[in-house]
């Protein structure tokens, strides 16, 4: 079988020969929910991979202030395996609001992250609150 890959999740190519077909996914990709997308963005900031200001348009002021206080400590930065979002769950207490939590894992270590998303009039989701492992950023005076 020339041009066929059998690894799970690998792209499969047209069997007419190299360069004649286009890559086709063997498994359809599940669309990510707003809370999953946001968990990945937050993790990138809290692990030092992205700057905090990259979240400016995705957060309301109080939540952004919390992130700015937490980010310099890079609470999810590790020396070993790169941290990943292991699971993410959300609950909608009313339309346009998602209360979410995510488990962040790096090797054997797992930490929690909780946040609230609200849909603005422009239909974009923005974060209004953020907590990490039960601790909040210190209140600004």
Protein backbone atom coordinates (compact mmCIF):
# COMPACT_ATOMS: atom_id res chain seq x y z
CA UNK A 1 0.00 0.00 0.00
CA UNK A 2 1.86 3.02 -1.18
CA UNK A 3 0.96 6.43 0.26
CA UNK A 4 -1.18 5.03 3.10
CA UNK A 5 -0.49 5.72 6.76
CA UNK A 6 -2.03 3.46 9.39
CA UNK A 7 -1.23 5.34 12.61
CA UNK A 8 -4.37 6.44 14.49
CA UNK A 9 -5.10 10.12 13.98
CA UNK A 10 -2.52 10.43 11.20
CA UNK A 11 -3.37 12.06 7.92
CA UNK A 12 -4.16 9.65 5.12
CA UNK A 13 -3.03 10.53 1.61
CA UNK A 14 -4.58 9.70 -1.70
CA UNK A 15 -3.10 6.41 -2.99
CA UNK A 16 -2.37 7.70 -6.50
CA UNK A 17 1.20 8.46 -5.48
CA UNK A 18 3.14 11.11 -3.63
CA UNK A 19 2.06 14.69 -4.19
CA UNK A 20 -1.12 13.81 -6.10
CA UNK A 21 -3.63 13.98 -3.29
CA UNK A 22 -4.34 16.15 -0.33
CA UNK A 23 -4.12 15.13 3.32
CA UNK A 24 -7.41 13.92 4.78
CA UNK A 25 -8.04 13.56 8.52
CA UNK A 26 -9.09 10.06 9.49
CA UNK A 27 -10.97 11.26 12.61
CA UNK A 28 -13.26 14.29 12.56
CA UNK A 29 -12.14 16.98 14.98
CA UNK A 30 -14.63 17.81 17.71
CA UNK A 31 -15.26 21.56 17.86
CA UNK A 32 -13.82 23.09 21.02
CA UNK A 33 -16.20 24.79 23.41
CA UNK A 34 -15.63 28.40 24.53
CA UNK A 35 -14.45 27.15 27.93
CA UNK A 36 -11.93 24.77 26.31
CA UNK A 37 -10.53 27.50 24.08
CA UNK A 38 -10.26 29.87 27.01
CA UNK A 39 -8.59 27.27 29.26
CA UNK A 40 -5.85 26.78 26.66
CA UNK A 41 -5.29 30.53 26.31
CA UNK A 42 -5.14 31.03 30.09
CA UNK A 43 -2.73 28.13 30.45
CA UNK A 44 -0.43 29.67 27.85
CA UNK A 45 -0.25 32.89 29.90
CA UNK A 46 0.02 31.20 33.31
CA UNK A 47 2.82 28.92 32.11
CA UNK A 48 4.84 31.78 30.62
CA UNK A 49 4.26 30.89 26.95
CA UNK A 50 2.25 34.05 26.16
CA UNK A 51 2.24 37.54 27.68
CA UNK A 52 -0.69 38.57 29.90
CA UNK A 53 -1.58 41.47 27.61
CA UNK A 54 -2.55 38.95 24.90
CA UNK A 55 -5.73 38.37 26.96
CA UNK A 56 -6.69 42.04 27.26
CA UNK A 57 -9.63 41.89 24.83
CA UNK A 58 -10.84 38.56 26.24
CA UNK A 59 -11.30 39.63 29.84
CA UNK A 60 -13.21 42.24 31.79
CA UNK A 61 -11.15 44.56 33.96
CA UNK A 62 -11.37 42.78 37.34
CA UNK A 63 -10.52 39.39 35.82
CA UNK A 64 -7.70 40.92 33.77
CA UNK A 65 -6.30 42.54 36.93
CA UNK A 66 -6.36 39.11 38.61
CA UNK A 67 -4.49 37.61 35.66
CA UNK A 68 -1.89 40.39 35.68
CA UNK A 69 -1.27 39.71 39.39
CA UNK A 70 -0.99 35.93 38.85
CA UNK A 71 0.97 35.83 35.57
CA UNK A 72 4.40 36.98 36.85
CA UNK A 73 4.43 34.02 39.25
CA UNK A 74 3.82 31.68 36.26
CA UNK A 75 2.00 29.19 38.49
CA UNK A 76 1.82 26.53 35.77
CA UNK A 77 5.45 26.73 34.60
CA UNK A 78 7.22 23.42 35.10
CA UNK A 79 10.75 22.10 34.61
CA UNK A 80 9.50 18.75 33.37
CA UNK A 81 6.66 18.01 30.96
CA UNK A 82 4.82 20.92 29.40
CA UNK A 83 1.50 21.57 31.19
CA UNK A 84 -1.67 20.65 29.31
CA UNK A 85 -5.41 21.01 29.82
CA UNK A 86 -6.37 17.49 30.91
CA UNK A 87 -10.09 18.15 31.20
CA UNK A 88 -12.43 21.10 31.02
CA UNK A 89 -16.04 21.27 32.14
CA UNK A 90 -18.58 24.01 32.05
CA UNK A 91 -22.01 24.71 33.49
CA UNK A 92 -24.40 27.35 32.23
CA UNK A 93 -26.47 28.82 35.10
CA UNK A 94 -28.29 31.00 32.55
CA UNK A 95 -27.95 31.79 28.84
CA UNK A 96 -24.80 33.74 28.04
CA UNK A 97 -22.90 32.62 31.16
CA UNK A 98 -20.51 29.67 31.64
CA UNK A 99 -18.98 28.67 34.97
CA UNK A 100 -15.98 26.53 34.01
CA UNK A 101 -13.21 24.53 35.61
CA UNK A 102 -10.17 22.89 34.09
CA UNK A 103 -7.63 20.40 35.35
CA UNK A 104 -4.10 21.36 34.34
CA UNK A 105 -1.58 18.54 34.35
CA UNK A 106 2.17 18.35 34.03
CA UNK A 107 3.50 14.87 34.60
CA UNK A 108 1.96 13.58 37.85
CA UNK A 109 1.01 17.04 39.12
CA UNK A 110 -2.57 18.26 38.56
CA UNK A 111 -3.86 21.71 39.52
CA UNK A 112 -7.26 23.32 39.17
CA UNK A 113 -8.30 26.49 37.41
CA UNK A 114 -11.81 27.98 37.61
CA UNK A 115 -13.22 30.90 35.65
CA UNK A 116 -16.47 32.52 34.58
CA UNK A 117 -17.23 33.48 30.99
CA UNK A 118 -19.97 35.86 29.94
CA UNK A 119 -21.12 36.55 26.41
CA UNK A 120 -20.98 40.24 25.48
CA UNK A 121 -23.48 41.98 23.21
CA UNK A 122 -21.02 41.43 20.33
CA UNK A 123 -21.45 37.63 20.96
CA UNK A 124 -17.80 37.17 22.07
CA UNK A 125 -17.02 35.32 25.29
CA UNK A 126 -15.07 37.23 27.93
CA UNK A 127 -13.76 36.19 31.31
CA UNK A 128 -15.20 37.95 34.37
CA UNK A 129 -13.52 35.97 37.20
CA UNK A 130 -10.51 33.70 37.67
CA UNK A 131 -9.26 31.40 40.45
CA UNK A 132 -6.36 28.95 40.60
CA UNK A 133 -6.40 25.95 42.91
CA UNK A 134 -8.60 27.72 45.46
CA UNK A 135 -6.40 30.81 45.67
CA UNK A 136 -7.32 34.15 44.21
CA UNK A 137 -4.95 36.88 43.27
CA UNK A 138 -4.58 39.42 46.08
CA UNK A 139 -7.10 42.27 45.91
CA UNK A 140 -5.73 45.52 44.58
CA UNK A 141 -5.90 48.44 46.97
